[in-house]
Protein backbone atom coordinates (compact mmCIF):
# COMPACT_ATOMS: atom_id res chain seq x y z
CA MET A 1 10.24 19.05 12.28
CA ARG A 2 9.28 15.71 10.63
CA ARG A 3 6.45 14.90 8.72
CA VAL A 4 5.33 12.03 6.56
CA LEU A 5 4.52 13.16 3.02
CA ALA A 6 0.85 12.58 1.69
CA GLU A 7 0.79 10.34 -1.31
CA TRP A 8 -0.51 12.98 -3.59
CA GLU A 9 2.84 15.24 -3.11
CA LYS A 10 5.49 15.12 -5.73
CA GLN A 11 6.98 11.73 -6.17
CA ARG A 12 10.53 11.05 -7.42
CA VAL A 13 9.93 7.45 -8.21
CA VAL A 14 7.73 4.47 -7.57
CA LEU A 15 9.23 1.06 -6.43
CA ILE A 16 7.78 -2.30 -7.42
CA SER A 17 9.02 -5.81 -6.86
CA PHE A 18 8.24 -8.44 -9.42
CA PRO A 19 7.42 -12.15 -8.73
CA HIS A 20 10.15 -14.77 -9.50
CA LYS A 21 10.53 -18.70 -9.38
CA ASP A 22 11.24 -18.50 -5.72
CA THR A 23 8.09 -16.63 -4.67
CA ASP A 24 4.89 -17.90 -3.75
CA TRP A 25 3.66 -16.59 -7.01
CA TYR A 26 5.52 -19.63 -8.79
CA ASP A 27 3.76 -23.30 -9.14
CA GLU A 28 5.78 -25.91 -10.27
CA GLN A 29 2.54 -27.78 -11.53
CA ASN A 30 1.69 -24.84 -13.71
CA PRO A 31 4.34 -23.61 -16.15
CA LYS A 32 2.39 -20.53 -16.95
CA SER A 33 1.91 -19.37 -13.43
CA LEU A 34 4.95 -16.98 -13.25
CA GLN A 35 3.81 -15.37 -16.44
CA GLU A 36 0.18 -15.05 -15.25
CA ALA A 37 1.66 -13.37 -11.82
CA LEU A 38 3.66 -11.07 -13.76
CA SER A 39 0.91 -9.77 -15.78
CA PRO A 40 -0.48 -7.24 -13.24
CA PHE A 41 2.94 -6.21 -12.15
CA ILE A 42 3.95 -5.32 -16.09
CA ARG A 43 0.60 -3.31 -16.45
CA ILE A 44 1.02 -1.46 -13.28
CA THR A 45 4.85 -0.55 -14.20
CA GLN A 46 3.61 0.62 -17.62
CA ALA A 47 0.95 2.85 -16.25
CA ILE A 48 3.47 4.24 -13.93
CA ALA A 49 6.26 4.91 -16.34
CA TYR A 50 4.20 6.64 -18.73
CA TYR A 51 4.56 9.56 -16.33
CA GLN A 52 6.97 9.04 -14.08
CA ALA A 53 10.28 6.89 -13.13
CA VAL A 54 9.80 3.25 -11.81
CA TYR A 55 12.47 1.31 -9.99
CA ILE A 56 11.65 -2.59 -10.60
CA ILE A 57 13.27 -4.99 -8.11
CA CYS A 58 13.86 -7.98 -9.72
CA GLU A 59 15.75 -11.36 -9.97
CA ASP A 60 17.04 -10.85 -13.32
CA ARG A 61 17.32 -7.51 -14.96
CA GLU A 62 17.52 -8.79 -18.59
CA PHE A 63 14.61 -11.09 -18.12
CA ALA A 64 12.62 -8.28 -16.50
CA SER A 65 13.27 -5.47 -19.15
CA SER A 66 12.53 -8.01 -21.98
CA LEU A 67 8.91 -8.16 -20.72
CA PHE A 68 8.51 -4.53 -22.22
CA CYS A 69 8.30 -3.26 -25.69
CA SER A 70 9.57 0.16 -24.04
CA THR A 71 11.56 0.61 -21.03
CA SER A 72 11.53 4.36 -20.98
CA ASN A 73 11.38 5.55 -17.18
CA MET A 74 12.19 2.07 -16.19
CA THR A 75 14.99 1.07 -13.91
CA PHE A 76 15.68 -2.53 -13.17
CA ILE A 77 17.75 -3.43 -9.94
CA GLU A 78 18.73 -7.01 -9.13
CA ILE A 79 18.15 -7.62 -5.47
CA PRO A 80 16.99 -10.99 -3.73
CA THR A 81 13.50 -10.82 -2.28
CA ASN A 82 10.98 -13.23 -0.56
CA ASP A 83 7.92 -11.47 -1.90
CA THR A 84 6.46 -8.78 -3.84
CA TRP A 85 4.52 -6.33 -1.29
CA ILE A 86 6.75 -3.51 -1.39
CA ARG A 87 4.36 -1.16 0.29
CA ASP A 88 5.08 -2.68 3.58
CA TYR A 89 9.09 -3.18 3.36
CA GLY A 90 9.86 -0.09 1.01
CA TYR A 91 10.95 3.32 2.34
CA ILE A 92 8.73 5.59 4.11
CA SER A 93 9.37 9.17 2.66
CA ILE A 94 9.46 12.01 5.37
CA GLU A 95 10.45 15.47 5.28
CA ASP A 96 12.87 16.59 8.31
CA SER A 97 13.34 20.31 8.60
CA GLY A 98 12.70 20.87 4.86
CA GLU A 99 15.05 18.11 3.77
CA SER A 100 13.92 14.62 2.40
CA ARG A 101 14.71 11.56 4.52
CA LEU A 102 14.18 8.03 3.88
CA LEU A 103 13.03 5.62 6.64
CA ASP A 104 13.72 1.66 6.98
CA PHE A 105 11.67 0.31 9.43
CA ILE A 106 11.82 -3.69 10.27
CA PHE A 107 9.66 -5.69 8.07
CA ASP A 108 8.79 -9.21 9.87
CA GLY A 109 6.31 -10.58 7.35
CA TRP A 110 3.28 -9.30 8.85
CA GLY A 111 4.02 -10.22 12.41
CA GLY A 112 6.19 -13.26 11.74
CA LYS A 113 3.49 -14.74 9.37
CA PHE A 114 5.94 -15.38 6.34
CA GLU A 115 9.80 -15.40 5.97
CA ALA A 116 10.89 -11.81 5.20
CA SER A 117 14.70 -11.51 5.87
CA LEU A 118 15.35 -10.70 2.22
CA ASP A 119 12.60 -8.22 1.93
CA ASN A 120 13.87 -6.73 5.17
CA GLY A 121 17.05 -5.96 3.33
CA VAL A 122 15.85 -4.39 0.23
CA ASN A 123 16.03 -0.70 1.26
CA LYS A 124 19.46 -0.68 2.54
CA ILE A 125 20.79 -2.49 -0.66
CA VAL A 126 19.05 0.10 -3.12
CA HIS A 127 20.40 2.77 -0.97
CA GLN A 128 24.06 1.51 -0.99
CA LYS A 129 23.75 0.92 -4.60
CA GLY A 130 23.28 4.66 -5.13
CA TYR A 131 19.99 4.79 -6.68
CA LEU A 132 18.54 7.34 -4.10
CA GLY A 133 21.54 9.54 -4.37
CA THR A 134 22.65 11.26 -1.36
CA THR A 135 19.29 11.29 0.51
CA PRO A 136 19.68 10.16 4.05
CA LEU A 137 18.66 6.54 4.99
CA GLU A 138 17.54 5.90 8.81
CA SER A 139 17.10 2.51 9.81
CA ILE A 140 14.99 2.11 12.99
CA ASP A 141 14.47 -0.89 15.38
CA PHE A 142 10.70 -0.91 15.05
CA VAL A 143 8.34 -3.08 13.19
CA LEU A 144 6.10 -0.94 10.89
CA GLU A 145 4.83 -1.46 7.50
CA GLY A 146 3.95 1.12 5.04
CA GLY A 147 0.23 -0.03 4.31
CA ALA A 148 -0.20 0.34 7.95
CA ILE A 149 -0.24 4.27 8.08
CA GLU A 150 -2.11 6.93 5.92
CA SER A 151 -0.74 10.55 6.17
CA ASP A 152 -2.36 13.99 5.39
CA GLY A 153 1.15 15.31 4.92
CA GLU A 154 0.33 17.76 7.69
CA GLY A 155 1.21 15.69 10.70
CA THR A 156 -1.98 13.22 10.97
CA ILE A 157 -1.69 9.77 10.81
CA LEU A 158 -4.61 7.42 10.10
CA THR A 159 -3.99 3.76 11.10
CA THR A 160 -5.74 0.69 12.92
CA SER A 161 -5.27 -0.50 16.27
CA LYS A 162 -5.58 -4.20 14.94
CA CYS A 163 -2.35 -3.97 13.25
CA LEU A 164 -0.12 -1.36 15.08
CA CYS A 165 -1.26 -2.73 18.72
CA ASN A 166 -1.03 -6.44 17.62
CA PRO A 167 0.91 -8.61 19.98
CA ASN A 168 2.80 -9.94 16.96
CA ARG A 169 4.05 -6.31 16.15
CA ASN A 170 6.80 -4.91 18.70
CA GLY A 171 5.35 -7.15 21.51
CA GLY A 172 1.88 -5.63 21.46
CA LEU A 173 2.17 -2.12 22.68
CA SER A 174 -0.82 0.26 23.80
CA LYS A 175 -2.01 3.10 21.77
CA ASP A 176 -0.07 5.63 23.95
CA GLU A 177 3.06 3.61 23.23
CA VAL A 178 2.43 3.41 19.86
CA GLU A 179 1.62 7.35 19.55
CA GLN A 180 4.71 7.92 21.23
CA LYS A 181 6.81 6.10 18.75
CA LEU A 182 5.16 7.42 15.64
CA SER A 183 5.65 10.90 17.03
CA LEU A 184 9.54 10.27 17.45
CA TYR A 185 9.93 8.58 14.24
CA LEU A 186 7.42 10.19 11.77
CA GLY A 187 6.93 13.47 13.59
CA ALA A 188 3.08 12.64 13.94
CA LYS A 189 1.09 15.29 15.86
CA ARG A 190 -2.12 13.30 15.86
CA ILE A 191 -3.00 9.78 15.52
CA LEU A 192 -6.44 8.77 14.16
CA TRP A 193 -7.44 5.29 15.38
CA LEU A 194 -9.75 3.03 13.64
CA ASP A 195 -10.80 -0.12 15.93
CA TYR A 196 -12.98 -1.67 13.57
CA GLY A 197 -12.82 -3.06 9.89
CA TYR A 198 -11.26 -6.19 8.14
CA LEU A 199 -10.95 -7.87 4.86
CA ALA A 200 -11.37 -11.59 4.78
CA GLY A 201 -8.41 -13.29 3.39
CA ASP A 202 -6.27 -10.37 4.42
CA ASP A 203 -2.78 -11.13 6.12
CA THR A 204 -1.99 -7.69 7.16
CA ASP A 205 -4.22 -7.63 10.44
CA SER A 206 -6.25 -5.11 8.87
CA HIS A 207 -3.77 -2.61 7.03
CA ILE A 208 -5.39 1.12 6.67
CA ASP A 209 -4.63 1.04 2.91
CA THR A 210 -7.12 -1.74 2.64
CA LEU A 211 -9.96 0.06 4.36
CA ALA A 212 -9.71 3.98 4.50
CA ARG A 213 -7.52 6.32 2.58
CA PHE A 214 -6.58 10.18 3.00
CA VAL A 215 -7.38 11.73 -0.49
CA ALA A 216 -6.78 15.40 0.97
CA LYS A 217 -6.40 16.50 4.30
CA ASP A 218 -9.85 17.00 5.05
CA THR A 219 -11.11 13.88 2.83
CA ILE A 220 -10.95 10.14 3.38
CA ALA A 221 -12.15 7.62 1.11
CA TYR A 222 -13.45 4.06 2.68
CA VAL A 223 -14.72 0.93 1.95
CA GLU A 224 -18.51 0.93 2.80
CA CYS A 225 -20.60 -2.42 2.87
CA GLU A 226 -24.22 -2.30 2.31
CA ASP A 227 -25.13 -5.91 2.10
CA ARG A 228 -26.44 -7.25 5.49
CA ASP A 229 -25.56 -10.64 4.40
CA ASP A 230 -22.05 -10.08 3.83
CA GLU A 231 -19.58 -10.97 6.75
CA HIS A 232 -18.15 -7.51 6.43
CA PHE A 233 -21.24 -5.69 7.11
CA GLU A 234 -21.11 -5.26 10.93
CA GLU A 235 -17.28 -4.44 11.10
CA LEU A 236 -17.26 -2.03 8.39
CA ASN A 237 -20.49 -0.16 9.42
CA LYS A 238 -18.85 0.34 12.80
CA MET A 239 -15.68 1.71 10.98
CA LYS A 240 -17.94 4.07 8.95
CA LYS A 241 -19.50 5.38 12.34
CA GLN A 242 -16.02 5.67 13.79
CA LEU A 243 -14.90 7.85 10.60
CA GLN A 244 -18.08 9.84 11.12
CA SER A 245 -16.88 10.66 14.67
CA LEU A 246 -13.30 11.65 13.73
CA LYS A 247 -12.41 15.72 13.34
CA THR A 248 -9.65 17.29 11.46
CA GLU A 249 -7.19 19.36 13.18
CA ASP A 250 -9.31 22.45 13.13
CA ASN A 251 -12.17 20.35 14.85
CA LYS A 252 -14.49 20.01 11.50
CA GLU A 253 -15.90 16.72 10.35
CA TYR A 254 -14.05 14.99 7.56
CA ASN A 255 -15.55 14.75 4.05
CA LEU A 256 -16.23 11.16 3.77
CA ILE A 257 -16.42 9.62 0.34
CA ALA A 258 -17.77 5.87 0.31
CA LEU A 259 -16.22 3.23 -1.94
CA PRO A 260 -18.41 0.18 -2.79
CA MET A 261 -17.22 -3.19 -1.60
CA SER A 262 -16.41 -5.71 -4.48
CA ARG A 263 -18.61 -8.80 -5.27
CA ALA A 264 -17.44 -11.85 -3.03
CA ILE A 265 -14.16 -13.47 -4.81
CA TYR A 266 -13.10 -17.10 -3.71
CA ASN A 267 -10.09 -19.00 -4.60
CA LYS A 268 -10.11 -22.63 -5.74
CA GLU A 269 -9.97 -23.58 -1.93
CA ASN A 270 -13.24 -21.81 -1.61
CA LYS A 271 -11.25 -19.04 0.68
CA ARG A 272 -12.55 -15.50 0.37
CA LEU A 273 -9.74 -12.98 -1.18
CA PRO A 274 -9.28 -9.59 -0.08
CA ALA A 275 -10.71 -7.49 -3.08
CA THR A 276 -10.85 -3.96 -2.19
CA TYR A 277 -11.15 -0.76 -4.18
CA ALA A 278 -9.25 1.43 -1.52
CA ASN A 279 -6.11 -0.07 -2.39
CA PHE A 280 -5.45 2.43 -5.38
CA LEU A 281 -2.07 4.17 -5.91
CA ILE A 282 -1.88 8.14 -6.45
CA THR A 283 1.01 9.12 -8.72
CA ASN A 284 1.98 12.43 -9.99
CA ARG A 285 -0.36 12.69 -12.79
CA ALA A 286 -2.53 9.50 -12.43
CA ILE A 287 -4.75 7.52 -10.02
CA ILE A 288 -4.10 3.73 -10.72
CA TYR A 289 -6.70 1.59 -9.22
CA PRO A 290 -7.69 -1.97 -9.12
CA THR A 291 -10.50 -3.77 -10.91
CA TYR A 292 -12.23 -7.08 -10.26
CA ASN A 293 -14.27 -7.89 -13.34
CA ASP A 294 -17.04 -6.38 -11.37
CA PRO A 295 -19.83 -4.03 -12.37
CA LYS A 296 -18.53 -1.77 -9.46
CA ASP A 297 -15.32 -1.18 -11.46
CA LYS A 298 -17.01 1.68 -13.63
CA GLU A 299 -18.66 2.88 -10.53
CA VAL A 300 -15.42 3.35 -8.74
CA GLU A 301 -13.81 5.24 -11.68
CA ASP A 302 -16.31 7.64 -11.73
CA ILE A 303 -15.78 8.22 -7.93
CA LEU A 304 -12.02 8.40 -8.30
CA LYS A 305 -12.62 10.83 -11.10
CA SER A 306 -14.80 13.20 -9.06
CA ILE A 307 -11.97 13.06 -6.31
CA PHE A 308 -9.12 13.68 -8.59
CA PRO A 309 -10.38 15.73 -11.34
CA ASN A 310 -6.97 16.64 -12.47
CA ARG A 311 -5.40 13.01 -12.87
CA GLU A 312 -5.82 10.33 -15.28
CA ILE A 313 -7.69 7.50 -13.82
CA ILE A 314 -6.20 4.20 -15.02
CA PRO A 315 -7.72 0.86 -14.29
CA ILE A 316 -5.62 -2.51 -13.65
CA ASN A 317 -7.19 -5.93 -13.34
CA CYS A 318 -5.88 -7.16 -10.01
CA LEU A 319 -7.74 -10.67 -9.84
CA LYS A 320 -4.48 -12.20 -9.82
CA LEU A 321 -2.97 -10.01 -7.09
CA ILE A 322 -5.59 -10.74 -4.48
CA GLU A 323 -4.85 -14.61 -5.03
CA GLN A 324 -1.79 -13.81 -2.72
CA GLY A 325 -3.60 -11.58 -0.45
CA GLY A 326 -2.71 -8.00 -1.63
CA SER A 327 -3.73 -5.51 -4.31
CA LEU A 328 -2.35 -2.68 -6.38
CA HIS A 329 -1.41 -0.32 -3.54
CA CYS A 330 0.28 -3.13 -1.61
CA SER A 331 2.42 -3.82 -4.70
CA THR A 332 4.01 -0.26 -4.96
CA MET A 333 5.74 2.38 -2.96
CA GLN A 334 6.31 5.90 -3.63
CA VAL A 335 9.53 7.74 -2.95
CA CYS A 336 9.21 11.53 -2.51
């Protein structure tokens, strides 16, 4: 029997993929652009490596390692990439009849929005190089991004219809068809669908990890918008009502924990950026969460402390990350 491991289960390593001059992070008109882009990736890597192993996918091993005073718990792997959002092209870790297995789904740049052929090959290369030992790798002819699903570790998957039923993924499948695929590949026993919720500036078609997260098998943390003048107010309140209607496997209501919306943040072209506090990473001994120079940063820290009293809460400024459409969780992928 298969199951997708929950993020709070024991992790072997966390993957992260660094920006380089051939990614959108690099601006020829700004000599400091790559250095600025690398800053949050360095901080995230350091925060993870303090407690556990990190594999850094990079263009140049020597350059990447030179960015750190200490490289303890860090392994640098030279692999060509298109972009940095390894949450969506990294492995999905499952347990199959008690044995670990890694799944490699197709990544097509969020429905063909961006070139992704190099990113789509990363899992195979890392596995071929032997970094994950003898853990079996299964390549699957199905488009699925890691940020599109949340698992409670016991067979329940939380996801959004705007993403998994989108015509730009797998030709546009019905909910029933998607459920059959997730049951086959992931061992899913139940699929919980959210039909509402989005973030302005998001390229993922409403990935669940930007909106709502399992933090325990009976508890979901979600983004709440209380400002009636905010463009997200109506959609996120419909999402909240749908979350309130969901039931656990034993037919109880979920414990719902609201995370605030960040202030509206815009880029130089006055385009709103997808700042979300839901995009935190759970590691073996810490919660690493995104901050946005917002008064709510501290409020979120307190909320996360109440949810995870036995883990250290580590803030990372992610204003630079959201300029390219993602945040902290999007930049990482745990391997269990």
